Amino acid sequence: MRIVSLLPSATDIVVALGAADSLVGVSHSCGADWSHLPALTSTRIDTKAASAEIDAQVKTAAEPLYDLDIERLEQLAPDVVVSQSLCDVCAVASGDVEEAVKKLSSRPDLVNLAPFGLADIPQGFDDVGQALNLAPAARKLVADWEAQLASYAGRYAQQSPRIAFLDWLDPPFAAGHWIPDILELLGCVSTLAQPGEPSHEVTWAKVAESQPELVIAACCGFSQERATQDPTPQGLAVHLLDGYENFSRPSPRLLDSLPLLDALLTQQCSASQT
């Protein structure tokens, strides 16, 4: 089995299913751990630019934000390609991948991940597991996922802390998709995006008007350290977390976000009681 993953969350799923050794190609954003494999994607965005400049590049782009190395993909002769159809800002557009895969001589199976909310994410485990002939491993992964989520259910329901969660800082974006679902699971009140809503641009005035007890930012694709370069309003405490490692990836890695949120919320609720 020869597997190509075109985004970090797909790579996470392949690894969690025990098929890491079958990966023959990854995306440029899969990280240093995969630098020994060919990177089949590249971006036209200047990722070293300031966040406001990156936002402007995305909004004014007249052509696709990402390129796919079709020639290299053909050479790798994959049996399975795992891509996504959720967000053209985050990875190669699904239509471009579909057209490329149709032309490959290896005739690979294409798995398109499209998890809008938290409840959709395990479907990706099943889909990839089926394509890799690893259905039992996928069932175990889903069971472990559900058990870990259940262990956090309603943990802060009594206090119901009001949380403003952002996934970009300049300009601010309310974190949608699975983030409001996670807050709801914990028993928190999301003051910005609600369950079933995508991420969307807001203003700092809107953030303040939502009267949050805690403002959290996990910037999409950014490490915690990278996010410290972004401006935030004076007088508003923003707790920065790692978006790239923990919150931006709808994969088993998302479970790593729960202890981080738990620690912040425990601290917040303790402070509110004193």
C-alpha atoms as a PDB file:
ATOM      1  CA  MET A   1       0.000   0.000   0.000  1.00  0.00           C
ATOM      2  CA  ARG A   2       1.442   3.349  -1.081  1.00  0.00           C
ATOM      3  CA  ILE A   3      -0.210   6.361   0.568  1.00  0.00           C
ATOM      4  CA  VAL A   4      -0.014  10.054  -0.230  1.00  0.00           C
ATOM      5  CA  SER A   5      -1.340  12.554   2.320  1.00  0.00           C
ATOM      6  CA  LEU A   6      -2.026  16.095   1.165  1.00  0.00           C
ATOM      7  CA  LEU A   7      -2.637  17.710   4.554  1.00  0.00           C
ATOM      8  CA  PRO A   8      -1.435  17.333   8.169  1.00  0.00           C
ATOM      9  CA  SER A   9      -4.708  15.975   9.579  1.00  0.00           C
ATOM     10  CA  ALA A  10      -4.712  13.201   6.968  1.00  0.00           C
ATOM     11  CA  THR A  11      -1.164  12.300   7.945  1.00  0.00           C
ATOM     12  CA  ASP A  12      -2.233  12.216  11.598  1.00  0.00           C
ATOM     13  CA  ILE A  13      -5.012   9.749  10.764  1.00  0.00           C
ATOM     14  CA  VAL A  14      -2.725   7.505   8.712  1.00  0.00           C
ATOM     15  CA  VAL A  15      -0.237   7.421  11.590  1.00  0.00           C
ATOM     16  CA  ALA A  16      -2.949   6.746  14.183  1.00  0.00           C
ATOM     17  CA  LEU A  17      -4.114   3.794  12.080  1.00  0.00           C
ATOM     18  CA  GLY A  18      -0.611   2.328  12.173  1.00  0.00           C
ATOM     19  CA  ALA A  19       0.210   2.914   8.504  1.00  0.00           C
ATOM     20  CA  ALA A  20       2.957   5.523   8.803  1.00  0.00           C
ATOM     21  CA  ASP A  21       5.471   3.292   7.025  1.00  0.00           C
ATOM     22  CA  SER A  22       3.225   3.211   3.946  1.00  0.00           C
ATOM     23  CA  LEU A  23       3.387   6.977   3.414  1.00  0.00           C
ATOM     24  CA  VAL A  24       5.340   7.861   0.281  1.00  0.00           C
ATOM     25  CA  GLY A  25       4.450  11.560  -0.010  1.00  0.00           C
ATOM     26  CA  VAL A  26       3.037  14.348   2.142  1.00  0.00           C
ATOM     27  CA  SER A  27       2.115  18.026   1.984  1.00  0.00           C
ATOM     28  CA  HIS A  28       4.519  20.904   2.541  1.00  0.00           C
ATOM     29  CA  SER A  29       2.688  21.705   5.783  1.00  0.00           C
ATOM     30  CA  CYS A  30       3.013  18.276   7.390  1.00  0.00           C
ATOM     31  CA  GLY A  31       6.055  19.406   9.355  1.00  0.00           C
ATOM     32  CA  ALA A  32       9.698  18.538   9.909  1.00  0.00           C
ATOM     33  CA  ASP A  33       8.923  14.975  10.999  1.00  0.00           C
ATOM     34  CA  TRP A  34       8.129  14.196   7.365  1.00  0.00           C
ATOM     35  CA  SER A  35      10.967  16.053   5.679  1.00  0.00           C
ATOM     36  CA  HIS A  36      12.393  12.711   4.481  1.00  0.00           C
ATOM     37  CA  LEU A  37       9.380  12.269   2.177  1.00  0.00           C
ATOM     38  CA  PRO A  38       8.600  14.246  -0.987  1.00  0.00           C
ATOM     39  CA  ALA A  39       6.442  17.327  -0.419  1.00  0.00           C
ATOM     40  CA  LEU A  40       3.765  17.266  -3.112  1.00  0.00           C
ATOM     41  CA  THR A  41       2.235  20.649  -2.367  1.00  0.00           C
ATOM     42  CA  SER A  42       3.486  24.195  -2.121  1.00  0.00           C
ATOM     43  CA  THR A  43       1.866  27.519  -1.358  1.00  0.00           C
ATOM     44  CA  ARG A  44       1.898  30.876  -3.101  1.00  0.00           C
ATOM     45  CA  ILE A  45       1.207  32.610   0.210  1.00  0.00           C
ATOM     46  CA  ASP A  46       4.127  34.341   1.871  1.00  0.00           C
ATOM     47  CA  THR A  47       3.778  32.533   5.194  1.00  0.00           C
ATOM     48  CA  LYS A  48       6.527  34.630   6.761  1.00  0.00           C
ATOM     49  CA  ALA A  49       4.516  37.812   6.268  1.00  0.00           C
ATOM     50  CA  ALA A  50       2.562  39.499   9.048  1.00  0.00           C
ATOM     51  CA  SER A  51      -0.883  38.065   9.719  1.00  0.00           C
ATOM     52  CA  ALA A  52      -2.658  41.087   8.236  1.00  0.00           C
ATOM     53  CA  GLU A  53      -0.612  40.693   5.035  1.00  0.00           C
ATOM     54  CA  ILE A  54      -1.397  36.973   4.845  1.00  0.00           C
ATOM     55  CA  ASP A  55      -5.100  37.767   5.231  1.00  0.00           C
ATOM     56  CA  ALA A  56      -4.851  40.318   2.426  1.00  0.00           C
ATOM     57  CA  GLN A  57      -3.068  37.804   0.162  1.00  0.00           C
ATOM     58  CA  VAL A  58      -5.863  35.283   0.690  1.00  0.00           C
ATOM     59  CA  LYS A  59      -8.645  37.806   0.108  1.00  0.00           C
ATOM     60  CA  THR A  60      -7.140  39.242  -3.081  1.00  0.00           C
ATOM     61  CA  ALA A  61      -5.759  36.066  -4.658  1.00  0.00           C
ATOM     62  CA  ALA A  62      -6.706  35.757  -8.317  1.00  0.00           C
ATOM     63  CA  GLU A  63      -5.483  32.165  -8.620  1.00  0.00           C
ATOM     64  CA  PRO A  64      -5.326  29.068  -6.389  1.00  0.00           C
ATOM     65  CA  LEU A  65      -3.343  29.479  -3.187  1.00  0.00           C
ATOM     66  CA  TYR A  66      -1.667  26.071  -3.487  1.00  0.00           C
ATOM     67  CA  ASP A  67       0.077  24.045  -6.162  1.00  0.00           C
ATOM     68  CA  LEU A  68       0.139  20.267  -6.518  1.00  0.00           C
ATOM     69  CA  ASP A  69       3.193  18.559  -8.012  1.00  0.00           C
ATOM     70  CA  ILE A  70       1.333  16.281 -10.405  1.00  0.00           C
ATOM     71  CA  GLU A  71       4.480  14.975 -12.089  1.00  0.00           C
ATOM     72  CA  ARG A  72       5.946  13.828  -8.773  1.00  0.00           C
ATOM     73  CA  LEU A  73       2.572  12.387  -7.764  1.00  0.00           C
ATOM     74  CA  GLU A  74       2.583  10.272 -10.941  1.00  0.00           C
ATOM     75  CA  GLN A  75       6.098   9.044 -10.178  1.00  0.00           C
ATOM     76  CA  LEU A  76       5.092   7.956  -6.683  1.00  0.00           C
ATOM     77  CA  ALA A  77       2.279   5.758  -8.067  1.00  0.00           C
ATOM     78  CA  PRO A  78       0.090   5.917  -4.930  1.00  0.00           C
ATOM     79  CA  ASP A  79      -2.646   3.415  -4.148  1.00  0.00           C
ATOM     80  CA  VAL A  80      -4.479   5.897  -1.917  1.00  0.00           C
ATOM     81  CA  VAL A  81      -4.484   9.700  -1.868  1.00  0.00           C
ATOM     82  CA  VAL A  82      -5.995  11.449   1.156  1.00  0.00           C
ATOM     83  CA  SER A  83      -7.099  15.049   0.604  1.00  0.00           C
ATOM     84  CA  GLN A  84      -9.805  17.419   1.869  1.00  0.00           C
ATOM     85  CA  SER A  85     -12.800  19.342   0.595  1.00  0.00           C
ATOM     86  CA  LEU A  86     -13.441  21.586   3.581  1.00  0.00           C
ATOM     87  CA  CYS A  87     -11.286  24.661   3.009  1.00  0.00           C
ATOM     88  CA  ASP A  88      -9.451  25.964  -0.068  1.00  0.00           C
ATOM     89  CA  VAL A  89      -7.528  28.379   2.186  1.00  0.00           C
ATOM     90  CA  CYS A  90      -5.973  25.532   4.172  1.00  0.00           C
ATOM     91  CA  ALA A  91      -4.880  23.091   1.466  1.00  0.00           C
ATOM     92  CA  VAL A  92      -5.034  22.295  -2.251  1.00  0.00           C
ATOM     93  CA  ALA A  93      -8.579  22.744  -3.594  1.00  0.00           C
ATOM     94  CA  SER A  94     -10.485  19.470  -3.763  1.00  0.00           C
ATOM     95  CA  GLY A  95     -11.383  19.984  -7.420  1.00  0.00           C
ATOM     96  CA  ASP A  96      -7.722  20.290  -8.381  1.00  0.00           C
ATOM     97  CA  VAL A  97      -6.879  17.085  -6.520  1.00  0.00           C
ATOM     98  CA  GLU A  98      -9.768  15.180  -8.088  1.00  0.00           C
ATOM     99  CA  GLU A  99      -8.713  16.182 -11.595  1.00  0.00           C
ATOM    100  CA  ALA A 100      -5.111  15.212 -10.920  1.00  0.00           C
ATOM    101  CA  VAL A 101      -5.989  11.824  -9.413  1.00  0.00           C
ATOM    102  CA  LYS A 102      -8.189  10.904 -12.365  1.00  0.00           C
ATOM    103  CA  LYS A 103      -5.168  11.170 -14.651  1.00  0.00           C
ATOM    104  CA  LEU A 104      -2.781   9.054 -12.579  1.00  0.00           C
ATOM    105  CA  SER A 105      -1.775   5.753 -14.124  1.00  0.00           C
ATOM    106  CA  SER A 106      -1.827   4.032 -10.719  1.00  0.00           C
ATOM    107  CA  ARG A 107      -5.599   4.720 -10.443  1.00  0.00           C
ATOM    108  CA  PRO A 108      -5.500   5.428  -6.698  1.00  0.00           C
ATOM    109  CA  ASP A 109      -8.467   5.638  -4.396  1.00  0.00           C
ATOM    110  CA  LEU A 110      -9.151   9.229  -3.329  1.00  0.00           C
ATOM    111  CA  VAL A 111     -10.362   9.880   0.209  1.00  0.00           C
ATOM    112  CA  ASN A 112     -11.742  13.386   0.716  1.00  0.00           C
ATOM    113  CA  LEU A 113     -11.974  14.528   4.327  1.00  0.00           C
ATOM    114  CA  ALA A 114     -14.662  17.150   5.020  1.00  0.00           C
ATOM    115  CA  PRO A 115     -15.273  17.378   8.783  1.00  0.00           C
ATOM    116  CA  PHE A 116     -17.277  20.526   9.466  1.00  0.00           C
ATOM    117  CA  GLY A 117     -17.956  19.867  13.150  1.00  0.00           C
ATOM    118  CA  LEU A 118     -16.605  17.723  15.958  1.00  0.00           C
ATOM    119  CA  ALA A 119     -19.082  14.889  15.303  1.00  0.00           C
ATOM    120  CA  ASP A 120     -17.889  14.616  11.677  1.00  0.00           C
ATOM    121  CA  ILE A 121     -14.245  13.954  12.466  1.00  0.00           C
ATOM    122  CA  PRO A 122     -14.481  10.186  13.236  1.00  0.00           C
ATOM    123  CA  GLN A 123     -16.021   9.634   9.794  1.00  0.00           C
ATOM    124  CA  GLY A 124     -12.605  10.461   8.407  1.00  0.00           C
ATOM    125  CA  PHE A 125     -11.048   7.719  10.546  1.00  0.00           C
ATOM    126  CA  ASP A 126     -13.514   5.232   9.059  1.00  0.00           C
ATOM    127  CA  ASP A 127     -13.069   6.466   5.488  1.00  0.00           C
ATOM    128  CA  VAL A 128      -9.288   6.300   5.598  1.00  0.00           C
ATOM    129  CA  GLY A 129      -9.397   2.978   7.424  1.00  0.00           C
ATOM    130  CA  GLN A 130     -11.622   1.473   4.757  1.00  0.00           C
ATOM    131  CA  ALA A 131      -9.363   2.709   1.960  1.00  0.00           C
ATOM    132  CA  LEU A 132      -6.288   1.264   3.680  1.00  0.00           C
ATOM    133  CA  ASN A 133      -7.974  -2.056   4.540  1.00  0.00           C
ATOM    134  CA  LEU A 134      -7.586  -1.182   8.212  1.00  0.00           C
ATOM    135  CA  ALA A 135     -11.232  -1.151   9.304  1.00  0.00           C
ATOM    136  CA  PRO A 136     -10.568  -2.784  12.733  1.00  0.00           C
ATOM    137  CA  ALA A 137      -7.911  -0.190  13.541  1.00  0.00           C
ATOM    138  CA  ALA A 138     -10.330   2.559  12.489  1.00  0.00           C
ATOM    139  CA  ARG A 139     -13.061   1.175  14.771  1.00  0.00           C
ATOM    140  CA  LYS A 140     -10.646   1.167  17.703  1.00  0.00           C
ATOM    141  CA  LEU A 141      -9.543   4.701  16.883  1.00  0.00           C
ATOM    142  CA  VAL A 142     -13.158   5.891  16.835  1.00  0.00           C
ATOM    143  CA  ALA A 143     -13.874   4.142  20.146  1.00  0.00           C
ATOM    144  CA  ASP A 144     -10.812   5.721  21.787  1.00  0.00           C
ATOM    145  CA  TRP A 145     -11.819   9.126  20.390  1.00  0.00           C
ATOM    146  CA  GLU A 146     -15.341   8.875  21.770  1.00  0.00           C
ATOM    147  CA  ALA A 147     -14.121   7.674  25.169  1.00  0.00           C
ATOM    148  CA  GLN A 148     -11.687  10.552  25.574  1.00  0.00           C
ATOM    149  CA  LEU A 149     -14.295  13.117  24.552  1.00  0.00           C
ATOM    150  CA  ALA A 150     -16.800  11.584  26.972  1.00  0.00           C
ATOM    151  CA  SER A 151     -14.330  11.947  29.840  1.00  0.00           C
ATOM    152  CA  TYR A 152     -14.466  15.739  29.405  1.00  0.00           C
ATOM    153  CA  ALA A 153     -18.219  16.079  28.828  1.00  0.00           C
ATOM    154  CA  GLY A 154     -19.869  18.712  31.020  1.00  0.00           C
ATOM    155  CA  ARG A 155     -16.762  19.303  33.088  1.00  0.00           C
ATOM    156  CA  TYR A 156     -17.507  23.031  33.410  1.00  0.00           C
ATOM    157  CA  ALA A 157     -21.284  22.948  33.049  1.00  0.00           C
ATOM    158  CA  GLN A 158     -21.834  24.237  36.581  1.00  0.00           C
ATOM    159  CA  GLN A 159     -19.675  27.330  36.070  1.00  0.00           C
ATOM    160  CA  SER A 160     -20.536  27.799  32.352  1.00  0.00           C
ATOM    161  CA  PRO A 161     -17.587  30.123  31.670  1.00  0.00           C
ATOM    162  CA  ARG A 162     -18.007  32.497  28.745  1.00  0.00           C
ATOM    163  CA  ILE A 163     -15.229  31.930  26.196  1.00  0.00           C
ATOM    164  CA  ALA A 164     -14.317  34.022  23.160  1.00  0.00           C
ATOM    165  CA  PHE A 165     -12.243  31.723  20.950  1.00  0.00           C
ATOM    166  CA  LEU A 166     -10.306  33.093  17.959  1.00  0.00           C
ATOM    167  CA  ASP A 167      -8.371  31.317  15.223  1.00  0.00           C
ATOM    168  CA  TRP A 168      -6.750  34.449  13.722  1.00  0.00           C
ATOM    169  CA  LEU A 169      -5.706  37.719  15.345  1.00  0.00           C
ATOM    170  CA  ASP A 170      -5.091  40.300  12.632  1.00  0.00           C
ATOM    171  CA  PRO A 171      -7.884  40.711  11.759  1.00  0.00           C
ATOM    172  CA  PRO A 172      -9.608  38.676  14.462  1.00  0.00           C
ATOM    173  CA  PHE A 173     -11.589  35.637  13.332  1.00  0.00           C
ATOM    174  CA  ALA A 174     -14.078  33.796  15.519  1.00  0.00           C
ATOM    175  CA  ALA A 175     -13.104  30.123  15.574  1.00  0.00           C
ATOM    176  CA  GLY A 176     -15.902  28.001  14.148  1.00  0.00           C
ATOM    177  CA  HIS A 177     -16.276  24.431  12.882  1.00  0.00           C
ATOM    178  CA  TRP A 178     -15.296  22.025  15.705  1.00  0.00           C
ATOM    179  CA  ILE A 179     -14.166  24.675  18.223  1.00  0.00           C
ATOM    180  CA  PRO A 180     -17.677  25.745  19.397  1.00  0.00           C
ATOM    181  CA  ASP A 181     -18.544  22.041  19.651  1.00  0.00           C
ATOM    182  CA  ILE A 182     -15.570  21.467  21.954  1.00  0.00           C
ATOM    183  CA  LEU A 183     -16.571  24.417  24.134  1.00  0.00           C
ATOM    184  CA  GLU A 184     -20.134  23.129  24.310  1.00  0.00           C
ATOM    185  CA  LEU A 185     -18.875  19.651  25.210  1.00  0.00           C
ATOM    186  CA  LEU A 186     -16.915  21.092  28.119  1.00  0.00           C
ATOM    187  CA  GLY A 187     -19.938  23.016  29.355  1.00  0.00           C
ATOM    188  CA  CYS A 188     -18.691  26.446  28.290  1.00  0.00           C
ATOM    189  CA  VAL A 189     -20.538  29.236  26.499  1.00  0.00           C
ATOM    190  CA  SER A 190     -19.004  30.253  23.173  1.00  0.00           C
ATOM    191  CA  THR A 191     -19.541  33.998  22.926  1.00  0.00           C
ATOM    192  CA  LEU A 192     -18.572  34.246  19.246  1.00  0.00           C
ATOM    193  CA  ALA A 193     -19.068  31.431  16.700  1.00  0.00           C
ATOM    194  CA  GLN A 194     -21.788  28.940  17.624  1.00  0.00           C
ATOM    195  CA  PRO A 195     -22.000  25.205  16.880  1.00  0.00           C
ATOM    196  CA  GLY A 196     -22.710  24.707  13.190  1.00  0.00           C
ATOM    197  CA  GLU A 197     -21.009  27.953  12.144  1.00  0.00           C
ATOM    198  CA  PRO A 198     -17.748  28.339  10.222  1.00  0.00           C
ATOM    199  CA  SER A 199     -14.928  30.598  11.297  1.00  0.00           C
ATOM    200  CA  HIS A 200     -15.664  34.204  10.380  1.00  0.00           C
ATOM    201  CA  GLU A 201     -14.130  37.630  10.686  1.00  0.00           C
ATOM    202  CA  VAL A 202     -15.148  39.785  13.634  1.00  0.00           C
ATOM    203  CA  THR A 203     -13.874  42.981  15.223  1.00  0.00           C
ATOM    204  CA  TRP A 204     -12.145  43.490  18.536  1.00  0.00           C
ATOM    205  CA  ALA A 205     -15.155  45.570  19.548  1.00  0.00           C
ATOM    206  CA  LYS A 206     -17.348  42.532  18.869  1.00  0.00           C
ATOM    207  CA  VAL A 207     -15.071  40.393  21.004  1.00  0.00           C
ATOM    208  CA  ALA A 208     -15.342  42.845  23.893  1.00  0.00           C
ATOM    209  CA  GLU A 209     -19.108  43.253  23.471  1.00  0.00           C
ATOM    210  CA  SER A 210     -19.567  39.480  23.788  1.00  0.00           C
ATOM    211  CA  GLN A 211     -18.455  39.845  27.424  1.00  0.00           C
ATOM    212  CA  PRO A 212     -16.114  36.872  27.621  1.00  0.00           C
ATOM    213  CA  GLU A 213     -14.558  35.769  30.862  1.00  0.00           C
ATOM    214  CA  LEU A 214     -11.669  34.320  28.896  1.00  0.00           C
ATOM    215  CA  VAL A 215     -10.281  35.121  25.433  1.00  0.00           C
ATOM    216  CA  ILE A 216      -8.344  32.323  23.752  1.00  0.00           C
ATOM    217  CA  ALA A 217      -6.564  32.376  20.411  1.00  0.00           C
ATOM    218  CA  ALA A 218      -5.177  29.353  18.564  1.00  0.00           C
ATOM    219  CA  CYS A 219      -4.235  30.779  15.183  1.00  0.00           C
ATOM    220  CA  CYS A 220      -4.820  28.533  12.189  1.00  0.00           C
ATOM    221  CA  GLY A 221      -1.539  26.942  11.131  1.00  0.00           C
ATOM    222  CA  PHE A 222       0.510  28.956  13.641  1.00  0.00           C
ATOM    223  CA  SER A 223       2.527  27.781  16.601  1.00  0.00           C
ATOM    224  CA  GLN A 224       2.014  29.505  19.931  1.00  0.00           C
ATOM    225  CA  GLU A 225       5.338  31.277  19.485  1.00  0.00           C
ATOM    226  CA  ARG A 226       4.435  32.508  15.990  1.00  0.00           C
ATOM    227  CA  ALA A 227       1.129  33.897  17.267  1.00  0.00           C
ATOM    228  CA  THR A 228       2.937  36.139  19.757  1.00  0.00           C
ATOM    229  CA  GLN A 229       3.970  38.314  16.794  1.00  0.00           C
ATOM    230  CA  ASP A 230       0.347  39.333  16.197  1.00  0.00           C
ATOM    231  CA  PRO A 231      -1.062  42.525  17.744  1.00  0.00           C
ATOM    232  CA  THR A 232      -3.856  42.402  20.318  1.00  0.00           C
ATOM    233  CA  PRO A 233      -5.722  45.347  21.866  1.00  0.00           C
ATOM    234  CA  GLN A 234      -4.355  46.918  25.004  1.00  0.00           C
ATOM    235  CA  GLY A 235      -6.325  45.994  28.072  1.00  0.00           C
ATOM    236  CA  LEU A 236      -7.579  42.692  26.648  1.00  0.00           C
ATOM    237  CA  ALA A 237      -5.819  39.564  27.869  1.00  0.00           C
ATOM    238  CA  VAL A 238      -5.572  36.967  25.108  1.00  0.00           C
ATOM    239  CA  HIS A 239      -4.348  33.496  26.017  1.00  0.00           C
ATOM    240  CA  LEU A 240      -2.382  32.057  23.104  1.00  0.00           C
ATOM    241  CA  LEU A 241      -2.352  28.342  22.336  1.00  0.00           C
ATOM    242  CA  ASP A 242      -0.783  26.324  19.526  1.00  0.00           C
ATOM    243  CA  GLY A 243      -3.139  26.277  16.570  1.00  0.00           C
ATOM    244  CA  TYR A 244      -0.935  24.201  14.270  1.00  0.00           C
ATOM    245  CA  GLU A 245      -0.275  21.354  16.685  1.00  0.00           C
ATOM    246  CA  ASN A 246      -3.517  21.209  18.631  1.00  0.00           C
ATOM    247  CA  PHE A 247      -6.538  23.041  17.236  1.00  0.00           C
ATOM    248  CA  SER A 248      -6.307  23.438  13.435  1.00  0.00           C
ATOM    249  CA  ARG A 249      -6.176  19.730  12.647  1.00  0.00           C
ATOM    250  CA  PRO A 250      -9.438  17.709  12.664  1.00  0.00           C
ATOM    251  CA  SER A 251      -7.675  14.487  13.537  1.00  0.00           C
ATOM    252  CA  PRO A 252      -6.780  12.449  16.640  1.00  0.00           C
ATOM    253  CA  ARG A 253      -4.337  15.261  17.459  1.00  0.00           C
ATOM    254  CA  LEU A 254      -7.329  17.428  18.349  1.00  0.00           C
ATOM    255  CA  LEU A 255      -7.655  15.418  21.557  1.00  0.00           C
ATOM    256  CA  ASP A 256      -4.413  17.063  22.695  1.00  0.00           C
ATOM    257  CA  SER A 257      -6.326  20.334  22.880  1.00  0.00           C
ATOM    258  CA  LEU A 258      -8.564  19.110  25.701  1.00  0.00           C
ATOM    259  CA  PRO A 259      -5.935  19.061  28.488  1.00  0.00           C
ATOM    260  CA  LEU A 260      -4.754  22.512  27.390  1.00  0.00           C
ATOM    261  CA  LEU A 261      -8.260  23.945  27.573  1.00  0.00           C
ATOM    262  CA  ASP A 262      -8.902  22.113  30.818  1.00  0.00           C
ATOM    263  CA  ALA A 263      -5.866  23.725  32.447  1.00  0.00           C
ATOM    264  CA  LEU A 264      -6.883  27.208  31.291  1.00  0.00           C
ATOM    265  CA  LEU A 265     -10.498  26.771  32.382  1.00  0.00           C
ATOM    266  CA  THR A 266      -9.540  25.366  35.770  1.00  0.00           C
ATOM    267  CA  GLN A 267      -7.337  28.385  36.335  1.00  0.00           C
ATOM    268  CA  GLN A 268     -10.090  30.756  35.173  1.00  0.00           C
ATOM    269  CA  CYS A 269     -12.803  29.168  37.314  1.00  0.00           C
ATOM    270  CA  SER A 270     -10.539  29.129  40.377  1.00  0.00           C
ATOM    271  CA  ALA A 271      -9.744  32.812  39.890  1.00  0.00           C
ATOM    272  CA  SER A 272     -13.456  33.628  39.567  1.00  0.00           C
ATOM    273  CA  GLN A 273     -14.225  31.956  42.895  1.00  0.00           C
ATOM    274  CA  THR A 274     -11.616  33.910  44.831  1.00  0.00           C
END
